[in-house]
Amino acid sequence: MTIHAQALLFDNDGTLVSSLESVRRCWTRWAEEFGITAEDFARVELHGRTAVAIAADLLPADVVPAAVARIEALEVEDVPNGGAALLPGTRDLLDALPADRWAVVTSATRRLAEARLAHAGILPKTLVVAEDVTRGKPDPEPYLLAARQLGVDPADCVVFEDAPAGLQAGRAAGMITVALATTHQAHELDADLVVSDLSALSALVSDGGVEISARA
């Protein structure tokens, strides 16, 4: 399968970098600190959602701001402990792209996103984070904002995601979706193309845009 696009929009955690163990480690500690039972914690989807949305599912509204600040601090502190390791194919694919052809669109806060990206050596020209939008994934707002910032029609964008919420956001934005089976099983991912990770893809850049192909 070959996909033609003007811009590539990447989720970060689970797409460009691996943060899954850090997320589990930090959120488990966070849940214990805030007295959340294992049963209640297990029913909430963590990956691909903002900390505000997760905390709001589990805690009273007046506690949410402090809880969000605490999980941000825990995750930022954990970055050097394996919280932002490059996933296969990330470096090669990003290095093949002009800076104005791609963006990172993450549900993380700016402080956390910048810490993980810097640790992994990724410096996007365009970065959309939780504070930039009113409604996070699975709402299309984050991806639509990235398209506007790049000056590209949403229909000419490709979204790269590992989480169902992010893929839903990409579809709702009218974009082509590519799912990476890095944190979920392939059968759990609804996308135009499903691959193991970014190493399964190659990019050819021309004046007409970017051609993304699945390696044989």
N, C-alpha and C. Protein backbone atom coordinates (compact mmCIF):
# COMPACT_ATOMS: atom_id res chain seq x y z
N MET A 1 0.85 -1.20 0.00
CA MET A 1 0.00 0.00 0.00
C MET A 1 0.88 1.25 0.00
N THR A 2 0.52 2.21 -0.82
CA THR A 2 1.23 3.49 -0.88
C THR A 2 0.25 4.62 -0.56
N ILE A 3 0.69 5.53 0.30
CA ILE A 3 -0.14 6.65 0.73
C ILE A 3 0.54 7.95 0.32
N HIS A 4 -0.22 8.84 -0.30
CA HIS A 4 0.31 10.14 -0.71
C HIS A 4 -0.23 11.21 0.25
N ALA A 5 0.64 12.08 0.71
CA ALA A 5 0.24 13.10 1.68
C ALA A 5 1.07 14.36 1.52
N GLN A 6 0.56 15.44 2.09
CA GLN A 6 1.30 16.69 2.16
C GLN A 6 1.95 16.87 3.53
N ALA A 7 1.39 16.22 4.55
CA ALA A 7 1.95 16.34 5.90
C ALA A 7 1.71 15.06 6.68
N LEU A 8 2.63 14.77 7.60
CA LEU A 8 2.56 13.59 8.44
C LEU A 8 2.44 14.05 9.89
N LEU A 9 1.43 13.53 10.59
CA LEU A 9 1.15 13.92 11.96
C LEU A 9 1.34 12.71 12.87
N PHE A 10 2.28 12.82 13.80
CA PHE A 10 2.66 11.70 14.66
C PHE A 10 2.22 11.91 16.10
N ASP A 11 1.53 10.91 16.65
CA ASP A 11 1.43 10.81 18.09
C ASP A 11 2.85 10.58 18.61
N ASN A 12 3.08 10.82 19.90
CA ASN A 12 4.43 10.61 20.42
C ASN A 12 4.57 9.30 21.17
N ASP A 13 3.94 9.19 22.33
CA ASP A 13 4.13 8.02 23.18
C ASP A 13 3.49 6.78 22.57
N GLY A 14 4.34 5.78 22.30
CA GLY A 14 3.87 4.56 21.67
C GLY A 14 3.96 4.60 20.16
N THR A 15 4.29 5.77 19.62
CA THR A 15 4.42 5.93 18.17
C THR A 15 5.86 6.27 17.80
N LEU A 16 6.38 7.36 18.38
CA LEU A 16 7.77 7.74 18.15
C LEU A 16 8.68 7.20 19.24
N VAL A 17 8.21 7.26 20.48
CA VAL A 17 9.01 6.77 21.60
C VAL A 17 8.21 5.77 22.42
N SER A 18 8.94 4.95 23.16
CA SER A 18 8.31 3.98 24.06
C SER A 18 8.28 4.56 25.47
N SER A 19 7.09 4.74 26.01
CA SER A 19 6.94 5.26 27.36
C SER A 19 6.00 4.39 28.19
N LEU A 20 5.63 3.23 27.66
CA LEU A 20 4.59 2.42 28.28
C LEU A 20 4.94 1.99 29.70
N GLU A 21 6.18 1.53 29.92
CA GLU A 21 6.56 1.09 31.26
C GLU A 21 6.60 2.27 32.22
N SER A 22 7.06 3.41 31.74
CA SER A 22 7.07 4.61 32.57
C SER A 22 5.65 5.02 32.94
N VAL A 23 4.76 4.98 31.97
CA VAL A 23 3.36 5.33 32.23
C VAL A 23 2.77 4.42 33.30
N ARG A 24 3.00 3.12 33.16
CA ARG A 24 2.46 2.17 34.15
C ARG A 24 3.04 2.43 35.53
N ARG A 25 4.35 2.64 35.56
CA ARG A 25 5.06 2.86 36.82
C ARG A 25 4.53 4.11 37.53
N CYS A 26 4.46 5.20 36.79
CA CYS A 26 4.07 6.49 37.38
C CYS A 26 2.60 6.54 37.75
N TRP A 27 1.75 6.04 36.86
CA TRP A 27 0.32 6.09 37.14
C TRP A 27 -0.08 5.14 38.27
N THR A 28 0.61 4.02 38.41
CA THR A 28 0.33 3.11 39.51
C THR A 28 0.67 3.78 40.85
N ARG A 29 1.82 4.44 40.88
CA ARG A 29 2.20 5.18 42.09
C ARG A 29 1.20 6.31 42.36
N TRP A 30 0.81 7.01 41.33
CA TRP A 30 -0.15 8.10 41.44
C TRP A 30 -1.47 7.60 42.01
N ALA A 31 -1.97 6.49 41.50
CA ALA A 31 -3.24 5.94 41.98
C ALA A 31 -3.16 5.58 43.46
N GLU A 32 -2.04 5.02 43.87
CA GLU A 32 -1.87 4.68 45.28
C GLU A 32 -1.88 5.95 46.15
N GLU A 33 -1.20 6.99 45.69
CA GLU A 33 -1.12 8.24 46.45
C GLU A 33 -2.49 8.89 46.62
N PHE A 34 -3.36 8.74 45.61
CA PHE A 34 -4.67 9.38 45.66
C PHE A 34 -5.77 8.43 46.13
N GLY A 35 -5.38 7.26 46.63
CA GLY A 35 -6.34 6.34 47.23
C GLY A 35 -7.31 5.71 46.25
N ILE A 36 -6.89 5.53 45.02
CA ILE A 36 -7.75 4.92 44.00
C ILE A 36 -7.57 3.41 44.04
N THR A 37 -8.66 2.68 44.11
CA THR A 37 -8.58 1.23 44.19
C THR A 37 -8.07 0.64 42.89
N ALA A 38 -7.48 -0.53 42.98
CA ALA A 38 -6.98 -1.21 41.79
C ALA A 38 -8.10 -1.49 40.81
N GLU A 39 -9.29 -1.81 41.34
CA GLU A 39 -10.45 -2.10 40.48
C GLU A 39 -10.86 -0.86 39.69
N ASP A 40 -10.96 0.28 40.36
CA ASP A 40 -11.34 1.52 39.68
C ASP A 40 -10.27 1.94 38.68
N PHE A 41 -9.02 1.79 39.06
CA PHE A 41 -7.92 2.18 38.19
C PHE A 41 -7.88 1.32 36.93
N ALA A 42 -8.16 0.03 37.08
CA ALA A 42 -8.08 -0.91 35.95
C ALA A 42 -9.14 -0.64 34.89
N ARG A 43 -10.24 -0.01 35.27
CA ARG A 43 -11.33 0.20 34.29
C ARG A 43 -11.12 1.43 33.41
N VAL A 44 -10.09 2.21 33.70
CA VAL A 44 -9.86 3.45 32.96
C VAL A 44 -8.76 3.26 31.92
N GLU A 45 -9.04 3.69 30.70
CA GLU A 45 -8.05 3.64 29.63
C GLU A 45 -7.06 4.78 29.83
N LEU A 46 -5.77 4.44 29.90
CA LEU A 46 -4.74 5.45 30.11
C LEU A 46 -4.17 5.97 28.80
N HIS A 47 -3.89 5.06 27.89
CA HIS A 47 -3.06 5.42 26.74
C HIS A 47 -3.83 6.25 25.71
N GLY A 48 -3.19 7.33 25.27
CA GLY A 48 -3.77 8.17 24.24
C GLY A 48 -4.75 9.21 24.73
N ARG A 49 -4.89 9.36 26.05
CA ARG A 49 -5.82 10.33 26.63
C ARG A 49 -5.06 11.31 27.50
N THR A 50 -5.65 12.49 27.69
CA THR A 50 -5.00 13.49 28.52
C THR A 50 -5.09 13.11 30.00
N ALA A 51 -4.12 13.61 30.77
CA ALA A 51 -4.13 13.37 32.21
C ALA A 51 -5.38 13.96 32.85
N VAL A 52 -5.83 15.11 32.35
CA VAL A 52 -7.04 15.74 32.89
C VAL A 52 -8.25 14.82 32.72
N ALA A 53 -8.38 14.21 31.55
CA ALA A 53 -9.52 13.32 31.30
C ALA A 53 -9.46 12.08 32.19
N ILE A 54 -8.26 11.53 32.35
CA ILE A 54 -8.10 10.34 33.20
C ILE A 54 -8.41 10.67 34.65
N ALA A 55 -7.83 11.76 35.15
CA ALA A 55 -8.06 12.14 36.54
C ALA A 55 -9.54 12.44 36.79
N ALA A 56 -10.18 13.07 35.82
CA ALA A 56 -11.60 13.41 35.97
C ALA A 56 -12.48 12.17 36.05
N ASP A 57 -12.03 11.07 35.44
CA ASP A 57 -12.78 9.81 35.51
C ASP A 57 -12.68 9.16 36.89
N LEU A 58 -11.66 9.54 37.65
CA LEU A 58 -11.35 8.82 38.88
C LEU A 58 -11.49 9.62 40.16
N LEU A 59 -11.49 10.96 40.05
CA LEU A 59 -11.42 11.79 41.24
C LEU A 59 -12.46 12.91 41.22
N PRO A 60 -12.80 13.45 42.39
CA PRO A 60 -13.70 14.61 42.44
C PRO A 60 -13.08 15.80 41.72
N ALA A 61 -13.91 16.65 41.17
CA ALA A 61 -13.45 17.76 40.34
C ALA A 61 -12.47 18.68 41.06
N ASP A 62 -12.68 18.89 42.37
CA ASP A 62 -11.81 19.81 43.09
C ASP A 62 -10.41 19.26 43.33
N VAL A 63 -10.25 17.96 43.15
CA VAL A 63 -8.95 17.31 43.36
C VAL A 63 -8.16 17.21 42.06
N VAL A 64 -8.84 17.32 40.93
CA VAL A 64 -8.22 17.06 39.62
C VAL A 64 -7.00 17.95 39.35
N PRO A 65 -7.04 19.26 39.57
CA PRO A 65 -5.85 20.07 39.26
C PRO A 65 -4.59 19.61 39.98
N ALA A 66 -4.70 19.32 41.27
CA ALA A 66 -3.53 18.84 42.03
C ALA A 66 -3.09 17.47 41.55
N ALA A 67 -4.05 16.63 41.19
CA ALA A 67 -3.73 15.29 40.73
C ALA A 67 -3.01 15.33 39.39
N VAL A 68 -3.43 16.23 38.51
CA VAL A 68 -2.78 16.37 37.20
C VAL A 68 -1.36 16.90 37.36
N ALA A 69 -1.18 17.86 38.26
CA ALA A 69 0.17 18.39 38.51
C ALA A 69 1.08 17.30 39.06
N ARG A 70 0.53 16.44 39.89
CA ARG A 70 1.34 15.37 40.50
C ARG A 70 1.77 14.34 39.47
N ILE A 71 0.86 13.90 38.59
CA ILE A 71 1.26 12.89 37.61
C ILE A 71 2.24 13.47 36.60
N GLU A 72 2.09 14.75 36.27
CA GLU A 72 3.05 15.38 35.37
C GLU A 72 4.44 15.36 35.99
N ALA A 73 4.53 15.71 37.28
CA ALA A 73 5.82 15.72 37.96
C ALA A 73 6.43 14.32 38.00
N LEU A 74 5.61 13.32 38.31
CA LEU A 74 6.12 11.94 38.37
C LEU A 74 6.66 11.49 37.02
N GLU A 75 5.92 11.78 35.94
CA GLU A 75 6.33 11.31 34.62
C GLU A 75 7.56 12.06 34.10
N VAL A 76 7.64 13.37 34.37
CA VAL A 76 8.82 14.13 33.95
C VAL A 76 10.07 13.60 34.68
N GLU A 77 9.93 13.35 35.97
CA GLU A 77 11.05 12.82 36.75
C GLU A 77 11.49 11.45 36.25
N ASP A 78 10.56 10.69 35.68
CA ASP A 78 10.85 9.32 35.26
C ASP A 78 11.44 9.23 33.85
N VAL A 79 11.46 10.35 33.12
CA VAL A 79 11.95 10.32 31.74
C VAL A 79 13.35 9.70 31.62
N PRO A 80 14.32 10.07 32.47
CA PRO A 80 15.65 9.48 32.33
C PRO A 80 15.72 7.99 32.67
N ASN A 81 14.66 7.46 33.26
CA ASN A 81 14.64 6.06 33.68
C ASN A 81 14.00 5.14 32.64
N GLY A 82 14.08 5.52 31.38
CA GLY A 82 13.49 4.71 30.33
C GLY A 82 12.13 5.20 29.90
N GLY A 83 11.84 6.46 30.20
CA GLY A 83 10.53 7.00 29.87
C GLY A 83 10.39 7.54 28.47
N ALA A 84 11.47 7.44 27.67
CA ALA A 84 11.40 8.00 26.31
C ALA A 84 12.45 7.37 25.41
N ALA A 85 12.32 6.08 25.17
CA ALA A 85 13.25 5.38 24.28
C ALA A 85 12.71 5.37 22.86
N LEU A 86 13.57 5.68 21.90
CA LEU A 86 13.13 5.69 20.50
C LEU A 86 12.61 4.31 20.08
N LEU A 87 11.47 4.30 19.40
CA LEU A 87 10.94 3.06 18.84
C LEU A 87 11.58 2.79 17.48
N PRO A 88 11.57 1.54 17.04
CA PRO A 88 12.19 1.20 15.75
C PRO A 88 11.62 2.02 14.60
N GLY A 89 12.51 2.53 13.76
CA GLY A 89 12.10 3.26 12.56
C GLY A 89 11.88 4.74 12.74
N THR A 90 11.80 5.20 13.99
CA THR A 90 11.50 6.62 14.24
C THR A 90 12.55 7.53 13.64
N ARG A 91 13.80 7.29 13.97
CA ARG A 91 14.86 8.18 13.52
C ARG A 91 14.96 8.22 12.01
N ASP A 92 14.94 7.08 11.36
CA ASP A 92 15.09 7.03 9.90
C ASP A 92 13.94 7.76 9.21
N LEU A 93 12.73 7.57 9.69
CA LEU A 93 11.58 8.19 9.02
C LEU A 93 11.58 9.70 9.22
N LEU A 94 11.82 10.16 10.43
CA LEU A 94 11.82 11.60 10.68
C LEU A 94 12.96 12.29 9.95
N ASP A 95 14.11 11.63 9.88
CA ASP A 95 15.25 12.23 9.19
C ASP A 95 15.01 12.39 7.69
N ALA A 96 14.06 11.61 7.16
CA ALA A 96 13.75 11.69 5.73
C ALA A 96 12.78 12.81 5.40
N LEU A 97 12.24 13.47 6.44
CA LEU A 97 11.17 14.45 6.22
C LEU A 97 11.66 15.88 6.45
N PRO A 98 11.27 16.82 5.59
CA PRO A 98 11.52 18.24 5.86
C PRO A 98 10.77 18.67 7.11
N ALA A 99 11.30 19.62 7.86
CA ALA A 99 10.71 20.04 9.13
C ALA A 99 9.29 20.57 8.99
N ASP A 100 8.97 21.14 7.83
CA ASP A 100 7.63 21.72 7.66
C ASP A 100 6.62 20.73 7.09
N ARG A 101 7.01 19.44 7.04
CA ARG A 101 6.11 18.42 6.52
C ARG A 101 5.55 17.51 7.62
N TRP A 102 5.96 17.74 8.89
CA TRP A 102 5.49 16.84 9.94
C TRP A 102 5.33 17.58 11.26
N ALA A 103 4.51 16.98 12.12
CA ALA A 103 4.25 17.54 13.44
C ALA A 103 4.06 16.40 14.43
N VAL A 104 4.27 16.72 15.70
CA VAL A 104 3.95 15.79 16.78
C VAL A 104 2.68 16.29 17.46
N VAL A 105 1.72 15.38 17.63
CA VAL A 105 0.42 15.72 18.22
C VAL A 105 0.19 14.76 19.38
N THR A 106 0.35 15.26 20.60
CA THR A 106 0.33 14.38 21.76
C THR A 106 -0.70 14.82 22.80
N SER A 107 -1.17 13.86 23.58
CA SER A 107 -2.10 14.16 24.67
C SER A 107 -1.35 14.58 25.93
N ALA A 108 -0.03 14.51 25.91
CA ALA A 108 0.77 14.90 27.07
C ALA A 108 0.78 16.41 27.22
N THR A 109 1.12 16.88 28.42
CA THR A 109 1.32 18.30 28.64
C THR A 109 2.59 18.75 27.92
N ARG A 110 2.72 20.06 27.74
CA ARG A 110 3.91 20.56 27.05
C ARG A 110 5.20 20.20 27.80
N ARG A 111 5.16 20.37 29.11
CA ARG A 111 6.36 20.07 29.90
C ARG A 111 6.79 18.62 29.73
N LEU A 112 5.84 17.69 29.80
CA LEU A 112 6.16 16.27 29.66
C LEU A 112 6.55 15.93 28.24
N ALA A 113 5.81 16.44 27.26
CA ALA A 113 6.11 16.15 25.86
C ALA A 113 7.51 16.62 25.49
N GLU A 114 7.84 17.84 25.88
CA GLU A 114 9.16 18.38 25.55
C GLU A 114 10.27 17.61 26.24
N ALA A 115 10.02 17.15 27.47
CA ALA A 115 11.03 16.36 28.19
C ALA A 115 11.28 15.03 27.48
N ARG A 116 10.21 14.35 27.08
CA ARG A 116 10.38 13.06 26.41
C ARG A 116 11.00 13.23 25.03
N LEU A 117 10.55 14.21 24.28
CA LEU A 117 11.09 14.42 22.94
C LEU A 117 12.57 14.80 23.00
N ALA A 118 12.92 15.70 23.91
CA ALA A 118 14.32 16.12 24.03
C ALA A 118 15.21 14.95 24.43
N HIS A 119 14.73 14.13 25.35
CA HIS A 119 15.51 12.96 25.78
C HIS A 119 15.75 12.01 24.62
N ALA A 120 14.77 11.90 23.73
CA ALA A 120 14.88 11.00 22.58
C ALA A 120 15.59 11.66 21.39
N GLY A 121 15.91 12.95 21.50
CA GLY A 121 16.58 13.65 20.41
C GLY A 121 15.67 14.02 19.27
N ILE A 122 14.39 14.25 19.56
CA ILE A 122 13.42 14.64 18.55
C ILE A 122 13.05 16.11 18.77
N LEU A 123 13.22 16.92 17.74
CA LEU A 123 12.95 18.35 17.86
C LEU A 123 11.97 18.80 16.78
N PRO A 124 10.68 18.59 17.01
CA PRO A 124 9.69 18.98 15.99
C PRO A 124 9.55 20.49 15.88
N LYS A 125 9.39 20.96 14.67
CA LYS A 125 9.11 22.38 14.45
C LYS A 125 7.70 22.71 14.90
N THR A 126 6.79 21.75 14.74
CA THR A 126 5.39 21.92 15.12
C THR A 126 5.02 20.87 16.16
N LEU A 127 4.53 21.34 17.31
CA LEU A 127 4.16 20.44 18.42
C LEU A 127 2.82 20.89 18.99
N VAL A 128 1.85 19.98 18.99
CA VAL A 128 0.53 20.25 19.59
C VAL A 128 0.41 19.39 20.84
N VAL A 129 0.10 20.04 21.97
CA VAL A 129 0.04 19.36 23.26
C VAL A 129 -1.32 19.58 23.91
N ALA A 130 -1.49 18.99 25.10
CA ALA A 130 -2.79 19.03 25.77
C ALA A 130 -3.29 20.45 26.01
N GLU A 131 -2.39 21.36 26.39
CA GLU A 131 -2.81 22.73 26.70
C GLU A 131 -3.26 23.52 25.48
N ASP A 132 -2.95 23.04 24.29
CA ASP A 132 -3.28 23.78 23.08
C ASP A 132 -4.72 23.61 22.62
N VAL A 133 -5.44 22.66 23.21
CA VAL A 133 -6.78 22.35 22.73
C VAL A 133 -7.78 22.35 23.87
N THR A 134 -9.04 22.50 23.52
CA THR A 134 -10.12 22.43 24.50
C THR A 134 -10.56 20.99 24.71
N ARG A 135 -10.55 20.23 23.61
CA ARG A 135 -10.98 18.83 23.65
C ARG A 135 -9.84 17.96 23.11
N GLY A 136 -9.38 17.02 23.91
CA GLY A 136 -8.31 16.13 23.48
C GLY A 136 -8.83 14.93 22.72
N LYS A 137 -7.90 14.10 22.25
CA LYS A 137 -8.27 12.86 21.58
C LYS A 137 -9.19 12.06 22.51
N PRO A 138 -10.26 11.43 21.99
CA PRO A 138 -10.56 11.11 20.59
C PRO A 138 -11.23 12.20 19.77
N ASP A 139 -11.38 13.38 20.31
CA ASP A 139 -11.89 14.50 19.52
C ASP A 139 -10.86 14.86 18.44
N PRO A 140 -11.29 15.31 17.26
CA PRO A 140 -10.35 15.62 16.18
C PRO A 140 -9.59 16.93 16.37
N GLU A 141 -9.95 17.73 17.38
CA GLU A 141 -9.37 19.06 17.52
C GLU A 141 -7.84 19.09 17.47
N PRO A 142 -7.12 18.19 18.18
CA PRO A 142 -5.65 18.27 18.13
C PRO A 142 -5.08 18.10 16.73
N TYR A 143 -5.62 17.16 15.98
CA TYR A 143 -5.09 16.93 14.63
C TYR A 143 -5.50 18.04 13.66
N LEU A 144 -6.69 18.57 13.83
CA LEU A 144 -7.11 19.69 12.98
C LEU A 144 -6.24 20.92 13.24
N LEU A 145 -5.87 21.14 14.49
CA LEU A 145 -5.00 22.26 14.83
C LEU A 145 -3.62 22.08 14.20
N ALA A 146 -3.08 20.88 14.25
CA ALA A 146 -1.77 20.62 13.64
C ALA A 146 -1.80 20.87 12.13
N ALA A 147 -2.88 20.45 11.48
CA ALA A 147 -3.01 20.69 10.05
C ALA A 147 -3.02 22.19 9.74
N ARG A 148 -3.76 22.95 10.55
CA ARG A 148 -3.80 24.41 10.36
C ARG A 148 -2.42 25.02 10.54
N GLN A 149 -1.71 24.59 11.56
CA GLN A 149 -0.40 25.15 11.83
C GLN A 149 0.59 24.84 10.70
N LEU A 150 0.42 23.71 10.06
CA LEU A 150 1.28 23.34 8.93
C LEU A 150 0.77 23.93 7.61
N GLY A 151 -0.45 24.47 7.62
CA GLY A 151 -1.02 25.03 6.41
C GLY A 151 -1.42 23.99 5.39
N VAL A 152 -1.90 22.85 5.88
CA VAL A 152 -2.25 21.73 5.00
C VAL A 152 -3.70 21.34 5.21
N ASP A 153 -4.39 21.00 4.13
CA ASP A 153 -5.76 20.52 4.21
C ASP A 153 -5.78 19.20 5.00
N PRO A 154 -6.72 19.03 5.94
CA PRO A 154 -6.78 17.78 6.70
C PRO A 154 -6.82 16.54 5.83
N ALA A 155 -7.49 16.62 4.69
CA ALA A 155 -7.59 15.46 3.79
C ALA A 155 -6.24 15.06 3.21
N ASP A 156 -5.25 15.96 3.29
CA ASP A 156 -3.92 15.67 2.76
C ASP A 156 -2.93 15.29 3.86
N CYS A 157 -3.47 14.97 5.05
CA CYS A 157 -2.62 14.60 6.19
C CYS A 157 -2.75 13.11 6.50
N VAL A 158 -1.66 12.53 6.99
CA VAL A 158 -1.67 11.15 7.48
C VAL A 158 -1.36 11.16 8.97
N VAL A 159 -2.17 10.46 9.74
CA VAL A 159 -2.00 10.36 11.18
C VAL A 159 -1.36 9.01 11.51
N PHE A 160 -0.34 9.04 12.36
CA PHE A 160 0.33 7.82 12.82
C PHE A 160 0.06 7.68 14.32
N GLU A 161 -0.58 6.59 14.70
CA GLU A 161 -1.06 6.42 16.06
C GLU A 161 -0.94 4.97 16.52
N ASP A 162 -0.81 4.79 17.83
CA ASP A 162 -0.81 3.44 18.40
C ASP A 162 -2.06 3.17 19.24
N ALA A 163 -2.82 4.22 19.55
CA ALA A 163 -3.95 4.07 20.46
C ALA A 163 -5.29 4.26 19.76
N PRO A 164 -6.31 3.48 20.13
CA PRO A 164 -7.63 3.63 19.51
C PRO A 164 -8.17 5.05 19.60
N ALA A 165 -7.95 5.75 20.73
CA ALA A 165 -8.46 7.12 20.87
C ALA A 165 -7.84 8.05 19.84
N GLY A 166 -6.54 7.88 19.59
CA GLY A 166 -5.87 8.72 18.61
C GLY A 166 -6.30 8.42 17.19
N LEU A 167 -6.50 7.15 16.90
CA LEU A 167 -6.97 6.77 15.56
C LEU A 167 -8.38 7.30 15.32
N GLN A 168 -9.21 7.25 16.35
CA GLN A 168 -10.56 7.81 16.24
C GLN A 168 -10.49 9.31 15.96
N ALA A 169 -9.56 10.00 16.61
CA ALA A 169 -9.38 11.43 16.38
C ALA A 169 -8.95 11.71 14.95
N GLY A 170 -8.03 10.91 14.44
CA GLY A 170 -7.58 11.09 13.07
C GLY A 170 -8.68 10.87 12.05
N ARG A 171 -9.47 9.82 12.26
CA ARG A 171 -10.59 9.55 11.35
C ARG A 171 -11.60 10.69 11.39
N ALA A 172 -11.91 11.16 12.59
CA ALA A 172 -12.89 12.24 12.74
C ALA A 172 -12.40 13.53 12.10
N ALA A 173 -11.07 13.68 11.99
CA ALA A 173 -10.50 14.86 11.34
C ALA A 173 -10.49 14.73 9.82
N GLY A 174 -10.91 13.58 9.31
CA GLY A 174 -10.93 13.35 7.86
C GLY A 174 -9.57 13.02 7.29
N MET A 175 -8.71 12.45 8.11
CA MET A 175 -7.34 12.14 7.69
C MET A 175 -7.14 10.65 7.47
N ILE A 176 -6.14 10.31 6.68
CA ILE A 176 -5.73 8.92 6.52
C ILE A 176 -5.07 8.48 7.83
N THR A 177 -5.32 7.25 8.26
CA THR A 177 -4.76 6.77 9.52
C THR A 177 -3.86 5.57 9.32
N VAL A 178 -2.73 5.59 10.00
CA VAL A 178 -1.80 4.44 10.03
C VAL A 178 -1.63 4.03 11.48
N ALA A 179 -1.95 2.79 11.79
CA ALA A 179 -1.86 2.29 13.15
C ALA A 179 -0.57 1.50 13.35
N LEU A 180 0.03 1.69 14.51
CA LEU A 180 1.25 0.98 14.87
C LEU A 180 0.92 0.03 16.03
N ALA A 181 1.19 -1.24 15.85
CA ALA A 181 0.84 -2.24 16.87
C ALA A 181 1.95 -2.34 17.91
N THR A 182 2.22 -1.22 18.58
CA THR A 182 3.27 -1.17 19.59
C THR A 182 2.75 -1.30 21.01
N THR A 183 1.51 -0.84 21.24
CA THR A 183 0.92 -0.92 22.58
C THR A 183 -0.41 -1.65 22.60
N HIS A 184 -0.96 -1.92 21.42
CA HIS A 184 -2.21 -2.67 21.29
C HIS A 184 -2.03 -3.75 20.23
N GLN A 185 -2.88 -4.78 20.30
CA GLN A 185 -2.87 -5.81 19.28
C GLN A 185 -3.42 -5.25 17.97
N ALA A 186 -2.94 -5.78 16.86
CA ALA A 186 -3.35 -5.27 15.55
C ALA A 186 -4.87 -5.31 15.37
N HIS A 187 -5.52 -6.36 15.89
CA HIS A 187 -6.98 -6.48 15.70
C HIS A 187 -7.76 -5.45 16.51
N GLU A 188 -7.10 -4.77 17.44
CA GLU A 188 -7.76 -3.74 18.22
C GLU A 188 -7.71 -2.37 17.55
N LEU A 189 -6.99 -2.28 16.44
CA LEU A 189 -6.71 -1.00 15.81
C LEU A 189 -7.47 -0.86 14.49
N ASP A 190 -8.28 0.18 14.40
CA ASP A 190 -9.08 0.46 13.21
C ASP A 190 -8.40 1.58 12.43
N ALA A 191 -7.77 1.24 11.31
CA ALA A 191 -7.02 2.23 10.54
C ALA A 191 -6.96 1.83 9.07
N ASP A 192 -6.55 2.78 8.24
CA ASP A 192 -6.39 2.48 6.81
C ASP A 192 -5.25 1.52 6.57
N LEU A 193 -4.24 1.57 7.44
CA LEU A 193 -3.09 0.68 7.33
C LEU A 193 -2.62 0.37 8.74
N VAL A 194 -2.33 -0.90 9.01
CA VAL A 194 -1.80 -1.33 10.30
C VAL A 194 -0.45 -1.99 10.09
N VAL A 195 0.59 -1.49 10.81
CA VAL A 195 1.93 -2.06 10.70
C VAL A 195 2.48 -2.28 12.11
N SER A 196 3.61 -2.97 12.20
CA SER A 196 4.19 -3.27 13.50
C SER A 196 4.74 -2.02 14.18
N ASP A 197 5.47 -1.20 13.44
CA ASP A 197 6.03 0.05 13.94
C ASP A 197 6.54 0.84 12.73
N LEU A 198 7.18 1.97 12.96
CA LEU A 198 7.58 2.84 11.86
C LEU A 198 8.68 2.23 10.98
N SER A 199 9.38 1.22 11.47
CA SER A 199 10.40 0.57 10.65
C SER A 199 9.80 -0.17 9.47
N ALA A 200 8.48 -0.39 9.49
CA ALA A 200 7.80 -1.08 8.39
C ALA A 200 7.46 -0.12 7.26
N LEU A 201 7.80 1.15 7.41
CA LEU A 201 7.43 2.17 6.42
C LEU A 201 8.65 2.88 5.87
N SER A 202 8.51 3.40 4.65
CA SER A 202 9.54 4.25 4.05
C SER A 202 8.86 5.50 3.51
N ALA A 203 9.64 6.58 3.40
CA ALA A 203 9.08 7.85 2.93
C ALA A 203 9.91 8.39 1.78
N LEU A 204 9.23 8.81 0.73
CA LEU A 204 9.87 9.43 -0.42
C LEU A 204 9.30 10.84 -0.57
N VAL A 205 10.16 11.84 -0.42
CA VAL A 205 9.73 13.23 -0.46
C VAL A 205 10.00 13.83 -1.83
N SER A 206 9.01 14.54 -2.36
CA SER A 206 9.17 15.23 -3.64
C SER A 206 8.46 16.57 -3.57
N ASP A 207 8.53 17.35 -4.62
CA ASP A 207 7.82 18.64 -4.65
C ASP A 207 6.32 18.44 -4.53
N GLY A 208 5.84 17.27 -4.91
CA GLY A 208 4.41 16.99 -4.87
C GLY A 208 3.91 16.50 -3.53
N GLY A 209 4.82 16.27 -2.58
CA GLY A 209 4.39 15.80 -1.27
C GLY A 209 5.25 14.66 -0.76
N VAL A 210 4.67 13.81 0.05
CA VAL A 210 5.38 12.67 0.65
C VAL A 210 4.64 11.40 0.27
N GLU A 211 5.38 10.42 -0.17
CA GLU A 211 4.82 9.11 -0.50
C GLU A 211 5.28 8.12 0.56
N ILE A 212 4.32 7.57 1.29
CA ILE A 212 4.59 6.60 2.35
C ILE A 212 4.27 5.20 1.83
N SER A 213 5.24 4.32 1.95
CA SER A 213 5.04 2.95 1.46
C SER A 213 5.38 1.94 2.56
N ALA A 214 4.64 0.85 2.56
CA ALA A 214 4.94 -0.25 3.45
C ALA A 214 6.05 -1.09 2.81
N ARG A 215 7.07 -1.38 3.59
CA ARG A 215 8.17 -2.17 3.07
C ARG A 215 7.72 -3.59 2.78
N ALA A 216 8.29 -4.17 1.74
CA ALA A 216 7.91 -5.53 1.37
C ALA A 216 8.41 -6.51 2.41
